[in-house]
Amino acid sequence: LQGGARMFGGTDLRLLGRALAGRFGLFYLTTDDQGTLRRHLGAGKAAIVNVGGNREGHPGLLSDGGHYVAVLGEEGGLFTVADPKSSPEKYGPKYPHRRAAIRRAGVFLRISPADLESDCLLRSPRYHLFG
């Protein structure tokens, strides 16, 4: 895809999201409101979440730095997350704070809404909704 979304230091998902939505005939919306994310997931749609990583007083749960993960749904009070950089080491013994907050479910991760919100607190937009 062309569109200038890849830049020094990362990806501008607002640009990439619009380009992807246009190419594949999807709608695309951004929000910082977790209630909107939950309704979107409840309608069977998916989202990409912008997590911020470590900051003072908060060790990153899904990343040490900025990172995007896919949120595929919510079940039993937990979000199901697909992390393209998931590895046994990333969620292993070296990171007890991650092991305490995140459950592994096969190739997916399960995280509470409060922990996900905390992990992307300083990001905006936090949630990129596709459908």
N, C-alpha and C. Protein backbone atom coordinates (compact mmCIF):
# COMPACT_ATOMS: atom_id res chain seq x y z
N LEU A 1 0.83 -1.20 0.00
CA LEU A 1 0.00 0.00 0.00
C LEU A 1 0.86 1.25 0.00
N GLN A 2 0.48 2.19 -0.78
CA GLN A 2 1.11 3.51 -0.75
C GLN A 2 0.28 4.37 0.21
N GLY A 3 0.78 5.52 0.55
CA GLY A 3 -0.03 6.39 1.40
C GLY A 3 0.76 7.13 2.44
N GLY A 4 2.05 6.81 2.59
CA GLY A 4 2.88 7.56 3.52
C GLY A 4 2.67 7.24 4.98
N ALA A 5 2.09 6.10 5.30
CA ALA A 5 1.81 5.76 6.69
C ALA A 5 3.07 5.36 7.46
N ARG A 6 4.04 4.81 6.76
CA ARG A 6 5.28 4.40 7.42
C ARG A 6 6.21 5.60 7.50
N MET A 7 6.64 5.91 8.70
CA MET A 7 7.51 7.07 8.90
C MET A 7 8.59 6.71 9.90
N PHE A 8 9.56 7.60 10.04
CA PHE A 8 10.63 7.36 10.99
C PHE A 8 10.02 7.14 12.37
N GLY A 9 10.38 6.04 13.00
CA GLY A 9 9.92 5.77 14.34
C GLY A 9 8.61 5.01 14.44
N GLY A 10 7.97 4.69 13.32
CA GLY A 10 6.75 3.90 13.43
C GLY A 10 5.81 4.06 12.26
N THR A 11 4.56 3.77 12.53
CA THR A 11 3.51 3.80 11.53
C THR A 11 2.39 4.71 12.00
N ASP A 12 1.91 5.56 11.10
CA ASP A 12 0.74 6.39 11.40
C ASP A 12 -0.47 5.58 10.99
N LEU A 13 -1.11 4.94 11.97
CA LEU A 13 -2.23 4.06 11.66
C LEU A 13 -3.45 4.82 11.16
N ARG A 14 -3.53 6.10 11.46
CA ARG A 14 -4.65 6.87 10.89
C ARG A 14 -4.55 6.89 9.37
N LEU A 15 -3.36 7.11 8.85
CA LEU A 15 -3.17 7.08 7.40
C LEU A 15 -3.35 5.67 6.84
N LEU A 16 -2.72 4.70 7.49
CA LEU A 16 -2.81 3.32 7.02
C LEU A 16 -4.25 2.81 7.13
N GLY A 17 -4.92 3.12 8.23
CA GLY A 17 -6.31 2.67 8.42
C GLY A 17 -7.23 3.18 7.34
N ARG A 18 -7.12 4.45 6.99
CA ARG A 18 -7.95 5.00 5.91
C ARG A 18 -7.64 4.32 4.59
N ALA A 19 -6.36 4.10 4.31
CA ALA A 19 -5.96 3.45 3.06
C ALA A 19 -6.48 2.01 3.00
N LEU A 20 -6.34 1.27 4.09
CA LEU A 20 -6.84 -0.11 4.12
C LEU A 20 -8.35 -0.17 3.97
N ALA A 21 -9.03 0.70 4.69
CA ALA A 21 -10.50 0.71 4.61
C ALA A 21 -10.94 1.00 3.19
N GLY A 22 -10.32 1.96 2.53
CA GLY A 22 -10.68 2.27 1.15
C GLY A 22 -10.39 1.12 0.21
N ARG A 23 -9.26 0.49 0.40
CA ARG A 23 -8.88 -0.60 -0.51
C ARG A 23 -9.79 -1.81 -0.37
N PHE A 24 -10.23 -2.10 0.84
CA PHE A 24 -11.01 -3.31 1.08
C PHE A 24 -12.49 -3.05 1.34
N GLY A 25 -12.94 -1.83 1.12
CA GLY A 25 -14.36 -1.51 1.26
C GLY A 25 -14.87 -1.59 2.69
N LEU A 26 -14.05 -1.20 3.65
CA LEU A 26 -14.43 -1.22 5.06
C LEU A 26 -14.70 0.18 5.55
N PHE A 27 -15.39 0.28 6.68
CA PHE A 27 -15.44 1.59 7.32
C PHE A 27 -14.30 1.64 8.32
N TYR A 28 -13.92 2.83 8.68
CA TYR A 28 -12.81 3.04 9.60
C TYR A 28 -13.15 4.20 10.51
N LEU A 29 -12.98 4.00 11.80
CA LEU A 29 -13.30 5.01 12.80
C LEU A 29 -12.26 4.92 13.91
N THR A 30 -11.87 6.05 14.46
CA THR A 30 -10.98 6.05 15.62
C THR A 30 -11.73 6.61 16.82
N THR A 31 -11.33 6.15 18.00
CA THR A 31 -11.95 6.63 19.23
C THR A 31 -11.00 6.40 20.39
N ASP A 32 -11.18 7.16 21.44
CA ASP A 32 -10.49 6.93 22.71
C ASP A 32 -11.44 6.32 23.75
N ASP A 33 -12.68 6.08 23.35
CA ASP A 33 -13.72 5.61 24.27
C ASP A 33 -13.80 4.09 24.26
N GLN A 34 -13.51 3.47 25.40
CA GLN A 34 -13.53 2.02 25.46
C GLN A 34 -14.95 1.46 25.30
N GLY A 35 -15.95 2.21 25.70
CA GLY A 35 -17.33 1.76 25.50
C GLY A 35 -17.65 1.59 24.02
N THR A 36 -17.17 2.52 23.20
CA THR A 36 -17.36 2.41 21.76
C THR A 36 -16.63 1.18 21.23
N LEU A 37 -15.41 0.93 21.71
CA LEU A 37 -14.67 -0.28 21.33
C LEU A 37 -15.47 -1.52 21.68
N ARG A 38 -16.01 -1.58 22.88
CA ARG A 38 -16.74 -2.78 23.33
C ARG A 38 -18.00 -3.01 22.51
N ARG A 39 -18.71 -1.96 22.18
CA ARG A 39 -19.90 -2.12 21.32
C ARG A 39 -19.50 -2.61 19.93
N HIS A 40 -18.42 -2.08 19.42
CA HIS A 40 -17.91 -2.48 18.11
C HIS A 40 -17.54 -3.96 18.10
N LEU A 41 -16.82 -4.40 19.12
CA LEU A 41 -16.45 -5.81 19.22
C LEU A 41 -17.69 -6.68 19.41
N GLY A 42 -18.66 -6.20 20.18
CA GLY A 42 -19.89 -6.93 20.40
C GLY A 42 -20.70 -7.13 19.14
N ALA A 43 -20.49 -6.27 18.15
CA ALA A 43 -21.16 -6.40 16.85
C ALA A 43 -20.38 -7.33 15.91
N GLY A 44 -19.34 -7.99 16.45
CA GLY A 44 -18.59 -8.95 15.65
C GLY A 44 -17.48 -8.36 14.81
N LYS A 45 -17.10 -7.15 15.11
CA LYS A 45 -16.06 -6.47 14.35
C LYS A 45 -14.74 -6.52 15.13
N ALA A 46 -13.65 -6.08 14.52
CA ALA A 46 -12.34 -6.11 15.15
C ALA A 46 -11.75 -4.71 15.21
N ALA A 47 -10.68 -4.59 15.98
CA ALA A 47 -10.04 -3.28 16.16
C ALA A 47 -8.53 -3.46 16.29
N ILE A 48 -7.83 -2.40 16.04
CA ILE A 48 -6.41 -2.33 16.33
C ILE A 48 -6.24 -1.30 17.44
N VAL A 49 -5.46 -1.67 18.44
CA VAL A 49 -5.27 -0.83 19.62
C VAL A 49 -3.84 -0.33 19.67
N ASN A 50 -3.69 0.93 20.02
CA ASN A 50 -2.40 1.60 20.10
C ASN A 50 -1.94 1.61 21.56
N VAL A 51 -1.06 0.68 21.92
CA VAL A 51 -0.57 0.63 23.30
C VAL A 51 0.71 1.44 23.41
N GLY A 52 0.93 2.00 24.58
CA GLY A 52 2.03 2.93 24.76
C GLY A 52 3.29 2.37 25.40
N GLY A 53 3.19 1.25 26.06
CA GLY A 53 4.38 0.68 26.70
C GLY A 53 4.66 1.28 28.06
N ASN A 54 5.93 1.22 28.44
CA ASN A 54 6.35 1.67 29.77
C ASN A 54 6.21 3.18 29.91
N ARG A 55 5.80 3.59 31.09
CA ARG A 55 5.81 5.01 31.46
C ARG A 55 5.98 5.04 32.98
N GLU A 56 6.26 6.18 33.54
CA GLU A 56 6.47 6.27 34.97
C GLU A 56 5.26 5.72 35.72
N GLY A 57 5.52 4.76 36.59
CA GLY A 57 4.45 4.16 37.38
C GLY A 57 3.67 3.07 36.67
N HIS A 58 4.01 2.77 35.40
CA HIS A 58 3.29 1.73 34.67
C HIS A 58 4.25 0.96 33.77
N PRO A 59 4.55 -0.29 34.13
CA PRO A 59 5.33 -1.11 33.21
C PRO A 59 4.39 -1.62 32.11
N GLY A 60 4.79 -1.48 30.87
CA GLY A 60 3.94 -1.89 29.75
C GLY A 60 3.57 -3.36 29.82
N LEU A 61 2.31 -3.64 29.57
CA LEU A 61 1.84 -5.02 29.59
C LEU A 61 1.97 -5.69 28.23
N LEU A 62 1.62 -4.98 27.18
CA LEU A 62 1.67 -5.56 25.84
C LEU A 62 2.91 -5.12 25.06
N SER A 63 3.67 -4.19 25.62
CA SER A 63 4.88 -3.71 24.95
C SER A 63 5.69 -2.85 25.91
N ASP A 64 6.98 -2.77 25.64
CA ASP A 64 7.83 -1.83 26.38
C ASP A 64 7.73 -0.43 25.78
N GLY A 65 7.38 -0.33 24.50
CA GLY A 65 7.26 0.94 23.79
C GLY A 65 5.98 0.95 22.99
N GLY A 66 5.82 1.93 22.13
CA GLY A 66 4.62 1.99 21.30
C GLY A 66 4.48 0.76 20.43
N HIS A 67 3.24 0.29 20.28
CA HIS A 67 3.00 -0.96 19.55
C HIS A 67 1.51 -1.04 19.21
N TYR A 68 1.19 -1.71 18.12
CA TYR A 68 -0.19 -1.97 17.75
C TYR A 68 -0.49 -3.45 17.92
N VAL A 69 -1.66 -3.74 18.49
CA VAL A 69 -2.15 -5.12 18.61
C VAL A 69 -3.59 -5.15 18.11
N ALA A 70 -4.01 -6.31 17.66
CA ALA A 70 -5.40 -6.49 17.22
C ALA A 70 -6.23 -7.00 18.38
N VAL A 71 -7.41 -6.42 18.55
CA VAL A 71 -8.37 -6.91 19.53
C VAL A 71 -9.51 -7.53 18.74
N LEU A 72 -9.74 -8.82 18.98
CA LEU A 72 -10.65 -9.60 18.15
C LEU A 72 -12.01 -9.83 18.77
N GLY A 73 -12.13 -9.57 20.05
CA GLY A 73 -13.41 -9.77 20.71
C GLY A 73 -13.28 -9.64 22.21
N GLU A 74 -14.40 -9.83 22.87
CA GLU A 74 -14.44 -9.79 24.34
C GLU A 74 -15.30 -10.96 24.79
N GLU A 75 -14.79 -11.70 25.75
CA GLU A 75 -15.53 -12.84 26.28
C GLU A 75 -15.16 -13.04 27.73
N GLY A 76 -16.15 -13.27 28.56
CA GLY A 76 -15.90 -13.52 29.97
C GLY A 76 -15.19 -12.37 30.66
N GLY A 77 -15.44 -11.14 30.21
CA GLY A 77 -14.84 -9.98 30.84
C GLY A 77 -13.40 -9.71 30.43
N LEU A 78 -12.90 -10.43 29.43
CA LEU A 78 -11.53 -10.23 28.96
C LEU A 78 -11.53 -10.00 27.46
N PHE A 79 -10.61 -9.15 27.00
CA PHE A 79 -10.41 -8.94 25.57
C PHE A 79 -9.49 -10.04 25.04
N THR A 80 -9.77 -10.49 23.83
CA THR A 80 -8.89 -11.41 23.13
C THR A 80 -8.01 -10.59 22.20
N VAL A 81 -6.70 -10.74 22.36
CA VAL A 81 -5.72 -9.92 21.65
C VAL A 81 -4.81 -10.82 20.81
N ALA A 82 -4.53 -10.36 19.59
CA ALA A 82 -3.50 -10.97 18.75
C ALA A 82 -2.34 -9.98 18.68
N ASP A 83 -1.19 -10.41 19.15
CA ASP A 83 -0.01 -9.56 19.18
C ASP A 83 0.97 -10.07 18.13
N PRO A 84 1.24 -9.26 17.09
CA PRO A 84 2.15 -9.73 16.04
C PRO A 84 3.59 -9.94 16.53
N LYS A 85 3.92 -9.44 17.70
CA LYS A 85 5.26 -9.64 18.25
C LYS A 85 5.23 -10.55 19.48
N SER A 86 4.19 -11.35 19.58
CA SER A 86 4.09 -12.26 20.73
C SER A 86 5.18 -13.33 20.65
N SER A 87 5.72 -13.65 21.79
CA SER A 87 6.69 -14.73 21.90
C SER A 87 6.67 -15.23 23.34
N PRO A 88 7.12 -16.45 23.54
CA PRO A 88 7.17 -16.95 24.93
C PRO A 88 8.03 -16.06 25.83
N GLU A 89 9.09 -15.48 25.28
CA GLU A 89 9.96 -14.62 26.08
C GLU A 89 9.26 -13.32 26.48
N LYS A 90 8.51 -12.74 25.55
CA LYS A 90 7.85 -11.46 25.81
C LYS A 90 6.88 -11.55 26.98
N TYR A 91 6.26 -12.70 27.14
CA TYR A 91 5.29 -12.90 28.22
C TYR A 91 5.77 -13.95 29.22
N GLY A 92 7.09 -14.12 29.29
CA GLY A 92 7.69 -15.14 30.13
C GLY A 92 8.13 -14.65 31.49
N PRO A 93 8.94 -15.46 32.17
CA PRO A 93 9.37 -15.17 33.56
C PRO A 93 10.11 -13.85 33.74
N LYS A 94 10.75 -13.36 32.71
CA LYS A 94 11.48 -12.10 32.82
C LYS A 94 10.53 -10.92 33.05
N TYR A 95 9.24 -11.11 32.74
CA TYR A 95 8.24 -10.03 32.84
C TYR A 95 7.10 -10.46 33.75
N PRO A 96 7.32 -10.52 35.07
CA PRO A 96 6.27 -10.99 35.98
C PRO A 96 5.02 -10.12 35.95
N HIS A 97 5.16 -8.82 35.67
CA HIS A 97 3.98 -7.95 35.60
C HIS A 97 3.08 -8.35 34.43
N ARG A 98 3.66 -8.83 33.34
CA ARG A 98 2.86 -9.30 32.20
C ARG A 98 2.21 -10.64 32.53
N ARG A 99 2.97 -11.50 33.15
CA ARG A 99 2.44 -12.83 33.50
C ARG A 99 1.26 -12.71 34.46
N ALA A 100 1.29 -11.68 35.33
CA ALA A 100 0.20 -11.49 36.29
C ALA A 100 -1.06 -10.93 35.63
N ALA A 101 -0.90 -10.14 34.57
CA ALA A 101 -2.04 -9.44 33.97
C ALA A 101 -2.59 -10.10 32.72
N ILE A 102 -1.80 -10.92 32.06
CA ILE A 102 -2.19 -11.46 30.75
C ILE A 102 -2.23 -12.98 30.80
N ARG A 103 -3.33 -13.52 30.30
CA ARG A 103 -3.45 -14.97 30.17
C ARG A 103 -3.20 -15.35 28.72
N ARG A 104 -2.46 -16.40 28.52
CA ARG A 104 -2.26 -16.92 27.17
C ARG A 104 -3.38 -17.91 26.87
N ALA A 105 -3.90 -17.83 25.65
CA ALA A 105 -4.94 -18.75 25.19
C ALA A 105 -4.54 -19.20 23.80
N GLY A 106 -3.68 -20.20 23.72
CA GLY A 106 -3.12 -20.62 22.44
C GLY A 106 -2.24 -19.51 21.89
N VAL A 107 -2.53 -19.08 20.67
CA VAL A 107 -1.74 -18.00 20.06
C VAL A 107 -2.25 -16.62 20.48
N PHE A 108 -3.36 -16.58 21.19
CA PHE A 108 -3.96 -15.32 21.60
C PHE A 108 -3.64 -14.98 23.04
N LEU A 109 -3.87 -13.73 23.38
CA LEU A 109 -3.69 -13.24 24.74
C LEU A 109 -5.04 -12.78 25.25
N ARG A 110 -5.22 -12.83 26.57
CA ARG A 110 -6.46 -12.35 27.19
C ARG A 110 -6.07 -11.32 28.24
N ILE A 111 -6.72 -10.15 28.17
CA ILE A 111 -6.38 -9.04 29.06
C ILE A 111 -7.67 -8.35 29.50
N SER A 112 -7.69 -7.84 30.71
CA SER A 112 -8.88 -7.17 31.22
C SER A 112 -9.05 -5.81 30.55
N PRO A 113 -10.28 -5.32 30.46
CA PRO A 113 -10.51 -3.98 29.92
C PRO A 113 -9.73 -2.90 30.68
N ALA A 114 -9.65 -3.01 31.99
CA ALA A 114 -8.92 -2.01 32.78
C ALA A 114 -7.43 -2.02 32.45
N ASP A 115 -6.86 -3.21 32.31
CA ASP A 115 -5.43 -3.29 31.99
C ASP A 115 -5.16 -2.79 30.57
N LEU A 116 -6.04 -3.11 29.63
CA LEU A 116 -5.85 -2.60 28.26
C LEU A 116 -5.95 -1.08 28.26
N GLU A 117 -6.93 -0.54 28.95
CA GLU A 117 -7.10 0.92 29.01
C GLU A 117 -5.86 1.57 29.62
N SER A 118 -5.33 0.99 30.68
CA SER A 118 -4.14 1.54 31.31
C SER A 118 -2.94 1.48 30.37
N ASP A 119 -2.85 0.43 29.58
CA ASP A 119 -1.71 0.26 28.68
C ASP A 119 -1.72 1.25 27.52
N CYS A 120 -2.88 1.80 27.19
CA CYS A 120 -2.93 2.76 26.08
C CYS A 120 -3.41 4.14 26.54
N LEU A 121 -3.31 4.40 27.83
CA LEU A 121 -3.84 5.62 28.42
C LEU A 121 -3.33 6.90 27.78
N LEU A 122 -2.07 6.97 27.44
CA LEU A 122 -1.50 8.21 26.90
C LEU A 122 -1.49 8.25 25.38
N ARG A 123 -2.17 7.33 24.73
CA ARG A 123 -2.22 7.28 23.26
C ARG A 123 -3.53 7.87 22.77
N SER A 124 -3.46 8.50 21.63
CA SER A 124 -4.68 9.01 21.00
C SER A 124 -4.43 9.12 19.50
N PRO A 125 -5.27 8.49 18.70
CA PRO A 125 -6.39 7.67 19.14
C PRO A 125 -5.93 6.31 19.67
N ARG A 126 -6.67 5.81 20.64
CA ARG A 126 -6.35 4.52 21.25
C ARG A 126 -6.86 3.36 20.40
N TYR A 127 -8.07 3.51 19.89
CA TYR A 127 -8.74 2.40 19.24
C TYR A 127 -9.03 2.73 17.78
N HIS A 128 -8.64 1.85 16.89
CA HIS A 128 -8.87 1.99 15.45
C HIS A 128 -9.85 0.88 15.07
N LEU A 129 -11.06 1.28 14.71
CA LEU A 129 -12.14 0.32 14.48
C LEU A 129 -12.34 0.10 12.99
N PHE A 130 -12.45 -1.14 12.61
CA PHE A 130 -12.67 -1.52 11.21
C PHE A 130 -13.91 -2.38 11.11
N GLY A 131 -14.62 -2.26 10.02
CA GLY A 131 -15.78 -3.13 9.83
C GLY A 131 -16.32 -3.07 8.44
